[in-house]
Amino acid sequence: METKKAILILVVMFFQTLCYAQEKDTVLPPPRNIIRTYTFTLPEVQVDSIFIARLNSILFKKENRYMNSLLSKKKNISKHFYLVFEKLDSTNYTISVELGSSFIRGAVGFFIHNNFYYWLKGEIPLNLILEKKTKKKFSYREESHPYTYDPSMWTLRYDCKTREFKLIETNSVD
């Protein structure tokens, strides 16, 4: 009985608030997009070419029309790959790869290949980065949106001795 009274009181309070808002001609504002600007400096790195070739053979399979269409576009929209490395043992790493549209926070370096930016983060294998080039300054704007975004993602296992990849999981758009 007490529960019914509590629910009734809440319903009455809701309708009173609603009626009061309508009397005052109050309109609730739409959710605001908060825009923040970030500036950072990162070194451009030269990465092992075999690593790049084998990684791209997984990301740009012939049957994946969406990814291959990105190769032909000249715009840099959604042409950023985030590579987050996690060391499993002395030779094996897990690499989480995500396709995005801006910079990844906490990156330690980047490289450019086929008009795509590859942002590197985490415990990167020592033999992967051949040299660091000049540092470049970047700025980007980040907006908070009321909707969610489901990017293409891949989880890979990388053996730095054999330089081989194994695809563990993907949700890539075909």
C-alpha atoms as a PDB file:
ATOM      1  CA  MET A   1       0.000   0.000   0.000  1.00  0.00           C
ATOM      2  CA  GLU A   2       2.864   2.359   0.853  1.00  0.00           C
ATOM      3  CA  THR A   3       4.472   1.675  -2.534  1.00  0.00           C
ATOM      4  CA  LYS A   4       1.283   2.695  -4.362  1.00  0.00           C
ATOM      5  CA  LYS A   5       1.136   5.939  -2.380  1.00  0.00           C
ATOM      6  CA  ALA A   6       4.776   6.723  -3.169  1.00  0.00           C
ATOM      7  CA  ILE A   7       4.246   6.083  -6.896  1.00  0.00           C
ATOM      8  CA  LEU A   8       1.088   8.225  -6.889  1.00  0.00           C
ATOM      9  CA  ILE A   9       2.941  11.083  -5.172  1.00  0.00           C
ATOM     10  CA  LEU A  10       5.765  10.900  -7.743  1.00  0.00           C
ATOM     11  CA  VAL A  11       3.311  10.930 -10.648  1.00  0.00           C
ATOM     12  CA  VAL A  12       1.448  13.934  -9.210  1.00  0.00           C
ATOM     13  CA  MET A  13       4.738  15.788  -8.634  1.00  0.00           C
ATOM     14  CA  PHE A  14       5.825  15.064 -12.232  1.00  0.00           C
ATOM     15  CA  PHE A  15       2.591  16.429 -13.699  1.00  0.00           C
ATOM     16  CA  GLN A  16       2.706  19.494 -11.436  1.00  0.00           C
ATOM     17  CA  THR A  17       6.226  20.256 -12.642  1.00  0.00           C
ATOM     18  CA  LEU A  18       5.163  19.718 -16.238  1.00  0.00           C
ATOM     19  CA  CYS A  19       2.150  22.010 -15.858  1.00  0.00           C
ATOM     20  CA  TYR A  20       4.261  24.686 -14.166  1.00  0.00           C
ATOM     21  CA  ALA A  21       6.803  24.560 -17.011  1.00  0.00           C
ATOM     22  CA  GLN A  22       4.024  24.939 -19.577  1.00  0.00           C
ATOM     23  CA  GLU A  23       2.505  27.879 -17.675  1.00  0.00           C
ATOM     24  CA  LYS A  24       5.833  29.685 -17.669  1.00  0.00           C
ATOM     25  CA  ASP A  25       6.267  28.852 -21.360  1.00  0.00           C
ATOM     26  CA  THR A  26       9.554  27.190 -20.472  1.00  0.00           C
ATOM     27  CA  VAL A  27      11.277  25.156 -23.146  1.00  0.00           C
ATOM     28  CA  LEU A  28      14.046  22.791 -22.239  1.00  0.00           C
ATOM     29  CA  PRO A  29      17.164  23.570 -24.258  1.00  0.00           C
ATOM     30  CA  PRO A  30      18.539  20.881 -26.573  1.00  0.00           C
ATOM     31  CA  PRO A  31      21.643  19.057 -25.365  1.00  0.00           C
ATOM     32  CA  ARG A  32      24.749  21.139 -26.005  1.00  0.00           C
ATOM     33  CA  ASN A  33      27.625  19.932 -28.092  1.00  0.00           C
ATOM     34  CA  ILE A  34      30.747  20.689 -26.120  1.00  0.00           C
ATOM     35  CA  ILE A  35      33.664  21.444 -28.416  1.00  0.00           C
ATOM     36  CA  ARG A  36      37.187  21.193 -27.063  1.00  0.00           C
ATOM     37  CA  THR A  37      40.382  21.945 -28.944  1.00  0.00           C
ATOM     38  CA  TYR A  38      43.535  19.934 -28.220  1.00  0.00           C
ATOM     39  CA  THR A  39      47.075  20.692 -29.363  1.00  0.00           C
ATOM     40  CA  PHE A  40      49.961  18.228 -29.110  1.00  0.00           C
ATOM     41  CA  THR A  41      53.375  17.444 -30.578  1.00  0.00           C
ATOM     42  CA  LEU A  42      54.445  13.935 -31.599  1.00  0.00           C
ATOM     43  CA  PRO A  43      57.389  12.453 -33.448  1.00  0.00           C
ATOM     44  CA  GLU A  44      56.805  10.948 -36.861  1.00  0.00           C
ATOM     45  CA  VAL A  45      58.380   7.493 -36.794  1.00  0.00           C
ATOM     46  CA  GLN A  46      59.718   5.212 -39.492  1.00  0.00           C
ATOM     47  CA  VAL A  47      58.157   1.797 -39.001  1.00  0.00           C
ATOM     48  CA  ASP A  48      59.307  -1.577 -40.348  1.00  0.00           C
ATOM     49  CA  SER A  49      57.890  -1.903 -43.895  1.00  0.00           C
ATOM     50  CA  ILE A  50      57.075  -5.615 -43.454  1.00  0.00           C
ATOM     51  CA  PHE A  51      54.941  -4.705 -40.430  1.00  0.00           C
ATOM     52  CA  ILE A  52      53.018  -2.122 -42.480  1.00  0.00           C
ATOM     53  CA  ALA A  53      52.504  -4.462 -45.440  1.00  0.00           C
ATOM     54  CA  ARG A  54      51.230  -7.344 -43.291  1.00  0.00           C
ATOM     55  CA  LEU A  55      49.027  -5.094 -41.199  1.00  0.00           C
ATOM     56  CA  ASN A  56      47.428  -3.579 -44.304  1.00  0.00           C
ATOM     57  CA  SER A  57      46.857  -7.041 -45.801  1.00  0.00           C
ATOM     58  CA  ILE A  58      44.546  -7.700 -42.841  1.00  0.00           C
ATOM     59  CA  LEU A  59      42.901  -4.275 -42.721  1.00  0.00           C
ATOM     60  CA  PHE A  60      42.337  -3.964 -46.483  1.00  0.00           C
ATOM     61  CA  LYS A  61      41.245  -7.440 -47.553  1.00  0.00           C
ATOM     62  CA  LYS A  62      39.969  -7.590 -51.131  1.00  0.00           C
ATOM     63  CA  GLU A  63      36.449  -8.545 -50.027  1.00  0.00           C
ATOM     64  CA  ASN A  64      36.148  -5.555 -47.660  1.00  0.00           C
ATOM     65  CA  ARG A  65      34.670  -2.953 -50.012  1.00  0.00           C
ATOM     66  CA  TYR A  66      34.285  -0.269 -47.333  1.00  0.00           C
ATOM     67  CA  MET A  67      37.945  -0.244 -46.349  1.00  0.00           C
ATOM     68  CA  ASN A  68      39.143  -0.426 -49.944  1.00  0.00           C
ATOM     69  CA  SER A  69      36.905   2.490 -50.903  1.00  0.00           C
ATOM     70  CA  LEU A  70      38.702   4.560 -48.244  1.00  0.00           C
ATOM     71  CA  LEU A  71      41.967   3.959 -50.105  1.00  0.00           C
ATOM     72  CA  SER A  72      40.574   5.643 -53.198  1.00  0.00           C
ATOM     73  CA  LYS A  73      39.156   8.705 -51.403  1.00  0.00           C
ATOM     74  CA  LYS A  74      41.324  11.806 -51.186  1.00  0.00           C
ATOM     75  CA  LYS A  75      39.655  13.234 -48.060  1.00  0.00           C
ATOM     76  CA  ASN A  76      41.163  12.496 -44.642  1.00  0.00           C
ATOM     77  CA  ILE A  77      37.810  11.773 -43.042  1.00  0.00           C
ATOM     78  CA  SER A  78      37.912   8.615 -40.908  1.00  0.00           C
ATOM     79  CA  LYS A  79      41.419   7.880 -42.142  1.00  0.00           C
ATOM     80  CA  HIS A  80      43.071   7.396 -38.770  1.00  0.00           C
ATOM     81  CA  PHE A  81      44.069   4.031 -37.343  1.00  0.00           C
ATOM     82  CA  TYR A  82      44.715   3.732 -33.633  1.00  0.00           C
ATOM     83  CA  LEU A  83      47.167   0.929 -32.838  1.00  0.00           C
ATOM     84  CA  VAL A  84      47.273   0.096 -29.139  1.00  0.00           C
ATOM     85  CA  PHE A  85      49.978  -2.440 -28.269  1.00  0.00           C
ATOM     86  CA  GLU A  86      49.891  -4.711 -25.230  1.00  0.00           C
ATOM     87  CA  LYS A  87      52.852  -6.960 -24.443  1.00  0.00           C
ATOM     88  CA  LEU A  88      51.930 -10.589 -23.744  1.00  0.00           C
ATOM     89  CA  ASP A  89      55.466 -11.981 -23.379  1.00  0.00           C
ATOM     90  CA  SER A  90      58.932 -11.221 -24.757  1.00  0.00           C
ATOM     91  CA  THR A  91      57.930 -11.779 -28.407  1.00  0.00           C
ATOM     92  CA  ASN A  92      54.120 -11.672 -28.584  1.00  0.00           C
ATOM     93  CA  TYR A  93      51.898  -8.606 -28.528  1.00  0.00           C
ATOM     94  CA  THR A  94      48.198  -7.954 -28.821  1.00  0.00           C
ATOM     95  CA  ILE A  95      47.352  -5.036 -31.080  1.00  0.00           C
ATOM     96  CA  SER A  96      43.938  -3.408 -30.895  1.00  0.00           C
ATOM     97  CA  VAL A  97      43.304  -1.517 -34.121  1.00  0.00           C
ATOM     98  CA  GLU A  98      40.467   0.988 -34.432  1.00  0.00           C
ATOM     99  CA  LEU A  99      39.462   3.128 -37.401  1.00  0.00           C
ATOM    100  CA  GLY A 100      38.629   6.659 -36.294  1.00  0.00           C
ATOM    101  CA  SER A 101      38.453  10.257 -37.376  1.00  0.00           C
ATOM    102  CA  SER A 102      40.906  12.028 -35.104  1.00  0.00           C
ATOM    103  CA  PHE A 103      43.952  11.690 -32.892  1.00  0.00           C
ATOM    104  CA  ILE A 104      44.259   9.166 -30.053  1.00  0.00           C
ATOM    105  CA  ARG A 105      45.185  10.498 -26.621  1.00  0.00           C
ATOM    106  CA  GLY A 106      48.389   9.119 -25.156  1.00  0.00           C
ATOM    107  CA  ALA A 107      49.987   8.260 -28.510  1.00  0.00           C
ATOM    108  CA  VAL A 108      53.782   8.094 -28.530  1.00  0.00           C
ATOM    109  CA  GLY A 109      54.252   8.527 -32.268  1.00  0.00           C
ATOM    110  CA  PHE A 110      52.644   8.260 -35.671  1.00  0.00           C
ATOM    111  CA  PHE A 111      53.360   7.361 -39.270  1.00  0.00           C
ATOM    112  CA  ILE A 112      51.551   8.025 -42.523  1.00  0.00           C
ATOM    113  CA  HIS A 113      50.926   5.367 -45.180  1.00  0.00           C
ATOM    114  CA  ASN A 114      48.517   5.594 -48.174  1.00  0.00           C
ATOM    115  CA  ASN A 115      47.081   8.873 -46.807  1.00  0.00           C
ATOM    116  CA  PHE A 116      46.164   7.174 -43.514  1.00  0.00           C
ATOM    117  CA  TYR A 117      47.509   8.240 -40.148  1.00  0.00           C
ATOM    118  CA  TYR A 118      48.570   5.395 -37.866  1.00  0.00           C
ATOM    119  CA  TRP A 119      48.766   6.490 -34.208  1.00  0.00           C
ATOM    120  CA  LEU A 120      50.880   4.253 -31.935  1.00  0.00           C
ATOM    121  CA  LYS A 121      50.207   3.752 -28.239  1.00  0.00           C
ATOM    122  CA  GLY A 122      51.187   1.276 -25.525  1.00  0.00           C
ATOM    123  CA  GLU A 123      54.148  -1.097 -25.226  1.00  0.00           C
ATOM    124  CA  ILE A 124      55.521  -0.959 -28.770  1.00  0.00           C
ATOM    125  CA  PRO A 125      58.002  -3.712 -29.787  1.00  0.00           C
ATOM    126  CA  LEU A 126      61.579  -2.429 -29.856  1.00  0.00           C
ATOM    127  CA  ASN A 127      62.316  -3.638 -33.405  1.00  0.00           C
ATOM    128  CA  LEU A 128      59.178  -2.016 -34.861  1.00  0.00           C
ATOM    129  CA  ILE A 129      60.287   1.630 -34.825  1.00  0.00           C
ATOM    130  CA  LEU A 130      63.405   2.042 -36.952  1.00  0.00           C
ATOM    131  CA  GLU A 131      63.952   5.755 -36.305  1.00  0.00           C
ATOM    132  CA  LYS A 132      62.217   8.863 -35.069  1.00  0.00           C
ATOM    133  CA  LYS A 133      61.948  11.778 -37.442  1.00  0.00           C
ATOM    134  CA  THR A 134      61.040  15.365 -36.712  1.00  0.00           C
ATOM    135  CA  LYS A 135      58.249  16.218 -34.339  1.00  0.00           C
ATOM    136  CA  LYS A 136      55.041  17.656 -35.749  1.00  0.00           C
ATOM    137  CA  LYS A 137      52.457  19.811 -34.042  1.00  0.00           C
ATOM    138  CA  PHE A 138      48.772  18.878 -34.387  1.00  0.00           C
ATOM    139  CA  SER A 139      45.507  20.456 -33.329  1.00  0.00           C
ATOM    140  CA  TYR A 140      42.097  18.898 -33.453  1.00  0.00           C
ATOM    141  CA  ARG A 141      38.604  19.657 -32.267  1.00  0.00           C
ATOM    142  CA  GLU A 142      36.604  17.115 -30.372  1.00  0.00           C
ATOM    143  CA  GLU A 143      32.845  17.394 -30.038  1.00  0.00           C
ATOM    144  CA  SER A 144      30.691  15.524 -27.566  1.00  0.00           C
ATOM    145  CA  HIS A 145      27.671  14.108 -29.355  1.00  0.00           C
ATOM    146  CA  PRO A 146      24.478  12.701 -27.882  1.00  0.00           C
ATOM    147  CA  TYR A 147      24.809   9.662 -30.158  1.00  0.00           C
ATOM    148  CA  THR A 148      27.295   6.814 -30.090  1.00  0.00           C
ATOM    149  CA  TYR A 149      29.738   5.770 -32.776  1.00  0.00           C
ATOM    150  CA  ASP A 150      30.677   2.148 -33.475  1.00  0.00           C
ATOM    151  CA  PRO A 151      34.037   2.157 -35.275  1.00  0.00           C
ATOM    152  CA  SER A 152      35.590  -0.685 -37.227  1.00  0.00           C
ATOM    153  CA  MET A 153      37.908  -2.629 -34.935  1.00  0.00           C
ATOM    154  CA  TRP A 154      40.384  -5.461 -35.186  1.00  0.00           C
ATOM    155  CA  THR A 155      42.247  -7.411 -32.503  1.00  0.00           C
ATOM    156  CA  LEU A 156      45.495  -8.936 -33.718  1.00  0.00           C
ATOM    157  CA  ARG A 157      48.284 -11.047 -32.271  1.00  0.00           C
ATOM    158  CA  TYR A 158      51.749 -10.014 -33.452  1.00  0.00           C
ATOM    159  CA  ASP A 159      54.946 -12.074 -33.107  1.00  0.00           C
ATOM    160  CA  CYS A 160      57.873  -9.665 -33.352  1.00  0.00           C
ATOM    161  CA  LYS A 161      60.405 -12.450 -34.112  1.00  0.00           C
ATOM    162  CA  THR A 162      58.585 -13.901 -37.120  1.00  0.00           C
ATOM    163  CA  ARG A 163      56.792 -10.578 -37.878  1.00  0.00           C
ATOM    164  CA  GLU A 164      53.557 -12.502 -38.435  1.00  0.00           C
ATOM    165  CA  PHE A 165      50.012 -11.402 -37.592  1.00  0.00           C
ATOM    166  CA  LYS A 166      47.075 -13.502 -36.521  1.00  0.00           C
ATOM    167  CA  LEU A 167      43.571 -12.025 -36.633  1.00  0.00           C
ATOM    168  CA  ILE A 168      41.812 -12.760 -33.340  1.00  0.00           C
ATOM    169  CA  GLU A 169      38.617 -10.715 -33.647  1.00  0.00           C
ATOM    170  CA  THR A 170      37.039  -8.101 -35.903  1.00  0.00           C
ATOM    171  CA  ASN A 171      33.882  -6.053 -36.278  1.00  0.00           C
ATOM    172  CA  SER A 172      34.989  -4.409 -39.528  1.00  0.00           C
ATOM    173  CA  VAL A 173      32.266  -3.087 -41.837  1.00  0.00           C
ATOM    174  CA  ASP A 174      32.099  -5.064 -45.108  1.00  0.00           C
END
